[in-house]
């Protein structure tokens, strides 16, 4: 078995430490999570998208970790030359694996703002058509009603249900804290919402992940204070990672510093670039959005909803003033 791609950050960490050792945290048909001290490393089938701290395996066909009889607790060792699990006589040759960067591309093309707004509109339309909206959809509906100036799409087919009643006000308060750039209280507000939902990455965590990534992209586009945005992202997750799953806490940490998966990376690239052929531009954005939506049951849609909300918030001049660099604010 061979490694096809390896996250550059993971490769650099292995080079620095020589060897990483860990144990299987969770097993899925086409994904395997291995816990190594304070990080999660993910092995993926070749049909999957890259993500932070991941490796994609090249085995000709899809790898099935269930068929390999990989179980929780098994030991794995990572070195520059390969990945091994001696208990299962498994070895993955990493010599020729290509390096992939999980860092977002902040040197984005400066498309006209009106075109950016059109691209954001396409995202809203695409979510209404293709999104699995029973995760964060009802809460984004509520947000659309509370803040009509954001011009968020209303997902009428996704009605509010009683499961969301207890989190509704907490979510709105969190968004108000984001909009106000409330660095003093945002950590406390995040504590009230992070971890809401089901699965390895709960719905709210996916939403916040998309939101934080989008703030970095929009900060670059509008020449905002990126250092302040990174610090704010850090504050969001600073005191609440213990309230969610191990895998989700790693995702949030990566997102806060601008590391994301390949599908989100491609979607953001589509949003911030423009093809003079309007139909081609539309198709490219929708294709990238559908790739994101394809993650998990609702995880991809929830991430895309966070991206969409972040785009709408910072495309509103009123709400991005607090992030402007002093050099931009001079009269």
Protein backbone atom coordinates (compact mmCIF):
# COMPACT_ATOMS: atom_id res chain seq x y z
CA UNK A 1 0.00 0.00 0.00
CA UNK A 2 1.26 3.51 -0.84
CA UNK A 3 0.56 7.04 0.28
CA UNK A 4 -0.63 9.34 -2.50
CA UNK A 5 -0.76 12.68 -0.61
CA UNK A 6 0.28 13.86 2.84
CA UNK A 7 -0.57 17.16 4.51
CA UNK A 8 2.54 19.34 4.48
CA UNK A 9 2.16 20.27 8.16
CA UNK A 10 2.01 16.61 9.13
CA UNK A 11 5.05 15.81 6.99
CA UNK A 12 7.00 18.64 8.61
CA UNK A 13 6.01 17.44 12.08
CA UNK A 14 7.25 13.94 11.29
CA UNK A 15 10.54 15.34 9.97
CA UNK A 16 10.98 17.37 13.15
CA UNK A 17 10.13 14.62 15.63
CA UNK A 18 11.45 11.66 13.66
CA UNK A 19 8.58 9.34 14.58
CA UNK A 20 4.98 9.85 15.68
CA UNK A 21 3.09 7.14 17.54
CA UNK A 22 -0.61 6.93 18.18
CA UNK A 23 -3.67 4.74 18.56
CA UNK A 24 -6.81 4.37 16.48
CA UNK A 25 -9.49 6.77 17.72
CA UNK A 26 -12.33 5.95 15.31
CA UNK A 27 -12.86 3.81 12.22
CA UNK A 28 -15.08 4.34 9.17
CA UNK A 29 -15.26 2.57 5.84
CA UNK A 30 -13.10 5.12 4.00
CA UNK A 31 -11.52 7.08 6.87
CA UNK A 32 -9.40 6.20 9.87
CA UNK A 33 -8.65 8.63 12.72
CA UNK A 34 -5.50 8.07 14.76
CA UNK A 35 -4.85 10.02 17.97
CA UNK A 36 -1.21 11.03 18.46
CA UNK A 37 -0.79 12.99 21.69
CA UNK A 38 -2.53 16.33 21.06
CA UNK A 39 -3.47 15.81 17.39
CA UNK A 40 -5.64 13.64 15.18
CA UNK A 41 -4.17 12.14 11.99
CA UNK A 42 -6.63 10.89 9.37
CA UNK A 43 -5.97 8.21 6.75
CA UNK A 44 -8.32 8.50 3.77
CA UNK A 45 -9.37 6.50 0.75
CA UNK A 46 -8.12 7.94 -2.56
CA UNK A 47 -11.59 9.19 -3.56
CA UNK A 48 -11.71 11.54 -0.55
CA UNK A 49 -10.60 15.16 -0.31
CA UNK A 50 -7.49 16.17 1.62
CA UNK A 51 -7.86 17.78 5.02
CA UNK A 52 -5.48 19.08 7.71
CA UNK A 53 -3.23 16.37 9.16
CA UNK A 54 -4.40 13.77 6.65
CA UNK A 55 -2.95 11.16 4.31
CA UNK A 56 -4.63 9.83 1.17
CA UNK A 57 -3.86 6.22 0.31
CA UNK A 58 -3.33 4.92 -3.21
CA UNK A 59 -4.42 1.29 -3.38
CA UNK A 60 -5.86 1.17 -6.89
CA UNK A 61 -9.41 0.92 -5.56
CA UNK A 62 -11.11 2.41 -2.50
CA UNK A 63 -9.61 1.23 0.74
CA UNK A 64 -12.10 -0.22 3.22
CA UNK A 65 -10.75 -0.02 6.75
CA UNK A 66 -13.46 -2.37 7.98
CA UNK A 67 -12.24 -5.03 5.55
CA UNK A 68 -8.72 -4.48 6.89
CA UNK A 69 -10.11 -5.29 10.34
CA UNK A 70 -8.78 -2.04 11.81
CA UNK A 71 -10.22 -1.53 15.29
CA UNK A 72 -10.13 1.16 17.95
CA UNK A 73 -6.97 1.18 20.04
CA UNK A 74 -4.58 -0.37 17.50
CA UNK A 75 -1.13 1.25 17.44
CA UNK A 76 0.23 3.13 14.41
CA UNK A 77 3.68 4.58 13.81
CA UNK A 78 4.47 7.42 11.40
CA UNK A 79 7.93 8.02 9.95
CA UNK A 80 9.26 9.87 6.92
CA UNK A 81 9.42 6.65 4.92
CA UNK A 82 6.15 5.05 5.92
CA UNK A 83 3.19 4.36 8.19
CA UNK A 84 2.94 1.02 9.94
CA UNK A 85 0.65 -1.01 12.15
CA UNK A 86 2.64 -4.06 13.22
CA UNK A 87 -0.37 -5.64 14.94
CA UNK A 88 -2.04 -6.00 11.52
CA UNK A 89 1.13 -6.41 9.47
CA UNK A 90 0.16 -3.24 7.63
CA UNK A 91 2.68 -0.92 5.96
CA UNK A 92 2.08 2.21 3.87
CA UNK A 93 5.01 3.44 1.78
CA UNK A 94 5.23 7.27 1.96
CA UNK A 95 8.47 7.87 0.01
CA UNK A 96 6.77 9.29 -3.08
CA UNK A 97 3.72 10.85 -1.43
CA UNK A 98 3.02 14.38 -2.68
CA UNK A 99 2.81 17.23 -0.18
CA UNK A 100 -0.45 19.18 0.14
CA UNK A 101 -0.90 22.44 2.06
CA UNK A 102 -3.98 22.89 4.25
CA UNK A 103 -3.43 26.64 4.67
CA UNK A 104 -6.00 28.92 3.07
CA UNK A 105 -4.90 31.08 0.15
CA UNK A 106 -5.08 34.68 1.37
CA UNK A 107 -3.44 36.10 -1.75
CA UNK A 108 -6.77 35.99 -3.56
CA UNK A 109 -7.65 37.73 -6.80
CA UNK A 110 -9.45 41.02 -6.30
CA UNK A 111 -12.63 40.46 -8.24
CA UNK A 112 -15.00 43.47 -8.37
CA UNK A 113 -17.11 43.70 -5.23
CA UNK A 114 -20.32 43.53 -7.22
CA UNK A 115 -19.19 40.22 -8.68
CA UNK A 116 -18.32 38.94 -5.21
CA UNK A 117 -21.87 39.80 -4.10
CA UNK A 118 -23.24 37.93 -7.10
CA UNK A 119 -21.11 34.91 -6.18
CA UNK A 120 -22.41 35.05 -2.61
CA UNK A 121 -25.95 35.09 -3.97
CA UNK A 122 -25.15 31.93 -5.96
CA UNK A 123 -24.06 30.25 -2.71
CA UNK A 124 -27.41 31.07 -1.09
CA UNK A 125 -29.33 29.75 -4.08
CA UNK A 126 -27.19 26.62 -4.20
CA UNK A 127 -27.78 25.90 -0.51
CA UNK A 128 -31.55 26.19 -1.02
CA UNK A 129 -31.39 23.74 -3.92
CA UNK A 130 -28.78 21.21 -2.80
CA UNK A 131 -28.24 21.70 0.93
CA UNK A 132 -29.14 19.18 3.63
CA UNK A 133 -30.73 21.84 5.76
CA UNK A 134 -31.96 19.87 8.78
CA UNK A 135 -28.76 20.65 10.72
CA UNK A 136 -28.09 24.39 11.03
CA UNK A 137 -30.79 25.37 8.52
CA UNK A 138 -33.48 26.24 11.09
CA UNK A 139 -31.07 28.45 13.03
CA UNK A 140 -29.93 30.29 9.90
CA UNK A 141 -33.63 30.83 9.12
CA UNK A 142 -34.00 32.48 12.52
CA UNK A 143 -30.91 34.59 11.88
CA UNK A 144 -32.35 35.74 8.55
CA UNK A 145 -35.45 36.96 10.38
CA UNK A 146 -33.51 38.68 13.18
CA UNK A 147 -31.04 40.47 10.87
CA UNK A 148 -32.78 41.17 7.54
CA UNK A 149 -29.96 43.55 6.57
CA UNK A 150 -27.74 40.51 6.02
CA UNK A 151 -29.95 39.50 3.09
CA UNK A 152 -29.64 35.82 3.96
CA UNK A 153 -31.73 33.35 1.99
CA UNK A 154 -34.64 31.94 3.94
CA UNK A 155 -34.83 28.18 3.70
CA UNK A 156 -38.61 27.84 3.87
CA UNK A 157 -38.59 24.10 3.36
CA UNK A 158 -36.56 23.73 6.54
CA UNK A 159 -39.01 24.50 9.32
CA UNK A 160 -37.99 25.14 12.89
CA UNK A 161 -38.52 22.22 15.26
CA UNK A 162 -38.44 21.87 19.02
CA UNK A 163 -34.95 20.33 19.07
CA UNK A 164 -33.55 23.79 18.35
CA UNK A 165 -35.54 25.81 20.89
CA UNK A 166 -32.99 25.67 23.70
CA UNK A 167 -30.09 26.71 21.43
CA UNK A 168 -31.88 29.39 19.41
CA UNK A 169 -31.27 32.40 21.68
CA UNK A 170 -27.72 31.24 22.44
CA UNK A 171 -26.95 31.05 18.73
CA UNK A 172 -28.34 34.52 18.06
CA UNK A 173 -26.32 35.93 20.98
CA UNK A 174 -23.20 34.27 19.60
CA UNK A 175 -23.78 35.81 16.16
CA UNK A 176 -24.32 39.23 17.75
CA UNK A 177 -20.98 38.77 19.50
CA UNK A 178 -19.33 37.90 16.18
CA UNK A 179 -20.87 40.90 14.45
CA UNK A 180 -19.78 43.26 17.23
CA UNK A 181 -16.28 41.73 17.29
CA UNK A 182 -16.83 41.29 21.03
CA UNK A 183 -13.41 39.92 21.92
CA UNK A 184 -14.11 40.07 25.67
CA UNK A 185 -17.24 37.91 25.65
CA UNK A 186 -17.03 35.84 22.46
CA UNK A 187 -15.40 32.91 24.27
CA UNK A 188 -18.25 32.76 26.79
CA UNK A 189 -20.85 33.09 24.05
CA UNK A 190 -19.19 30.28 22.10
CA UNK A 191 -19.27 28.03 25.18
CA UNK A 192 -23.06 28.14 24.99
CA UNK A 193 -23.21 26.77 21.44
CA UNK A 194 -20.13 24.71 20.58
CA UNK A 195 -20.87 20.99 20.67
CA UNK A 196 -24.53 21.34 19.61
CA UNK A 197 -25.59 18.59 17.23
CA UNK A 198 -24.68 14.99 16.53
CA UNK A 199 -21.72 13.11 15.13
CA UNK A 200 -17.95 13.45 15.22
CA UNK A 201 -18.28 17.10 14.17
CA UNK A 202 -21.53 18.54 15.58
CA UNK A 203 -23.54 20.92 13.39
CA UNK A 204 -22.67 24.08 15.31
CA UNK A 205 -18.96 23.28 15.19
CA UNK A 206 -19.10 22.81 11.42
CA UNK A 207 -20.90 26.15 11.10
CA UNK A 208 -18.32 27.95 13.25
CA UNK A 209 -15.49 26.30 11.32
CA UNK A 210 -16.87 27.69 8.05
CA UNK A 211 -17.42 31.08 9.65
CA UNK A 212 -13.83 31.38 10.91
CA UNK A 213 -12.32 30.33 7.58
CA UNK A 214 -14.51 32.87 5.77
CA UNK A 215 -13.44 35.69 8.07
CA UNK A 216 -9.84 35.05 7.06
CA UNK A 217 -10.70 35.13 3.35
CA UNK A 218 -12.90 38.20 3.66
CA UNK A 219 -10.26 39.88 5.80
CA UNK A 220 -7.76 39.42 3.02
CA UNK A 221 -10.18 40.60 0.31
CA UNK A 222 -11.20 43.78 2.15
CA UNK A 223 -7.73 44.46 3.59
CA UNK A 224 -8.97 44.11 7.15
CA UNK A 225 -6.83 43.57 10.23
CA UNK A 226 -5.99 39.89 9.75
CA UNK A 227 -4.04 39.66 12.99
CA UNK A 228 -7.14 40.82 14.84
CA UNK A 229 -9.25 38.25 13.00
CA UNK A 230 -6.87 35.40 13.89
CA UNK A 231 -6.90 36.53 17.52
CA UNK A 232 -10.71 36.68 17.48
CA UNK A 233 -10.90 33.16 16.04
CA UNK A 234 -8.62 32.00 18.81
CA UNK A 235 -10.91 33.61 21.38
CA UNK A 236 -13.94 31.82 19.93
CA UNK A 237 -12.47 28.40 20.67
CA UNK A 238 -10.24 29.33 23.61
CA UNK A 239 -12.33 27.94 26.45
CA UNK A 240 -14.80 25.48 24.97
CA UNK A 241 -12.98 22.74 23.05
CA UNK A 242 -13.61 20.38 25.96
CA UNK A 243 -17.36 20.69 25.27
CA UNK A 244 -17.23 18.91 21.93
CA UNK A 245 -15.80 15.75 20.40
CA UNK A 246 -12.08 15.11 20.02
CA UNK A 247 -12.25 15.16 16.22
CA UNK A 248 -14.34 18.33 16.19
CA UNK A 249 -12.02 20.17 18.56
CA UNK A 250 -9.15 19.46 16.15
CA UNK A 251 -11.22 20.75 13.23
CA UNK A 252 -11.98 23.98 15.11
CA UNK A 253 -8.33 24.49 16.01
CA UNK A 254 -7.30 24.07 12.38
CA UNK A 255 -10.01 26.40 11.09
CA UNK A 256 -9.14 29.13 13.58
CA UNK A 257 -5.63 29.44 12.14
CA UNK A 258 -6.71 29.16 8.51
CA UNK A 259 -6.37 25.45 7.78
CA UNK A 260 -9.18 23.69 5.98
CA UNK A 261 -10.02 20.74 3.78
CA UNK A 262 -9.59 20.59 0.03
CA UNK A 263 -13.31 20.95 -0.74
CA UNK A 264 -13.67 24.16 1.29
CA UNK A 265 -10.42 25.43 -0.19
CA UNK A 266 -11.82 24.91 -3.70
CA UNK A 267 -15.16 26.53 -2.82
CA UNK A 268 -13.48 29.66 -1.46
CA UNK A 269 -11.32 29.83 -4.57
CA UNK A 270 -14.44 29.68 -6.73
CA UNK A 271 -16.14 32.43 -4.72
CA UNK A 272 -13.22 34.84 -4.95
CA UNK A 273 -12.49 34.30 -8.62
CA UNK A 274 -14.59 35.18 -11.64
CA UNK A 275 -14.98 33.76 -15.11
CA UNK A 276 -16.24 36.20 -17.73
CA UNK A 277 -18.55 33.43 -18.86
CA UNK A 278 -21.40 33.82 -16.36
CA UNK A 279 -22.73 30.31 -16.91
CA UNK A 280 -19.27 28.82 -16.43
CA UNK A 281 -18.77 30.89 -13.28
CA UNK A 282 -22.11 29.70 -11.90
CA UNK A 283 -21.37 26.06 -12.70
CA UNK A 284 -17.94 26.23 -11.08
CA UNK A 285 -19.31 27.67 -7.82
CA UNK A 286 -22.19 25.21 -7.64
CA UNK A 287 -19.90 22.24 -8.33
CA UNK A 288 -17.54 23.35 -5.56
CA UNK A 289 -20.49 23.89 -3.20
CA UNK A 290 -21.89 20.42 -3.92
CA UNK A 291 -18.46 18.92 -3.14
CA UNK A 292 -18.54 20.61 0.28
CA UNK A 293 -22.16 19.55 0.89
CA UNK A 294 -21.08 15.96 0.20
CA UNK A 295 -19.14 15.77 3.48
CA UNK A 296 -20.92 13.60 6.04
CA UNK A 297 -24.66 13.69 6.61
CA UNK A 298 -25.11 17.42 7.30
CA UNK A 299 -21.51 18.42 8.12
CA UNK A 300 -20.80 19.80 4.65
CA UNK A 301 -24.02 21.82 4.51
CA UNK A 302 -23.46 23.17 8.03
CA UNK A 303 -19.94 24.25 7.06
CA UNK A 304 -21.27 25.91 3.91
CA UNK A 305 -23.94 27.72 5.97
CA UNK A 306 -21.17 29.10 8.19
CA UNK A 307 -19.30 30.23 5.07
CA UNK A 308 -22.46 31.83 3.71
CA UNK A 309 -23.20 33.67 6.98
CA UNK A 310 -19.61 34.91 7.21
CA UNK A 311 -19.73 36.18 3.62
CA UNK A 312 -22.97 38.04 4.28
CA UNK A 313 -21.74 39.59 7.54
CA UNK A 314 -18.44 40.95 6.21
CA UNK A 315 -19.82 42.05 2.84
CA UNK A 316 -21.93 44.48 4.90
CA UNK A 317 -19.87 47.65 5.38
CA UNK A 318 -21.56 48.40 8.69
CA UNK A 319 -20.38 45.10 10.15
CA UNK A 320 -16.83 45.08 8.83
CA UNK A 321 -15.84 48.58 10.00
CA UNK A 322 -14.49 47.20 13.28
CA UNK A 323 -12.00 45.03 11.40
CA UNK A 324 -10.52 47.74 9.17
CA UNK A 325 -6.80 48.42 9.35
CA UNK A 326 -5.91 51.86 10.67
CA UNK A 327 -4.32 52.69 7.33
CA UNK A 328 -7.66 52.09 5.65
CA UNK A 329 -9.61 54.13 8.16
CA UNK A 330 -7.62 57.36 7.67
CA UNK A 331 -9.66 60.22 6.19
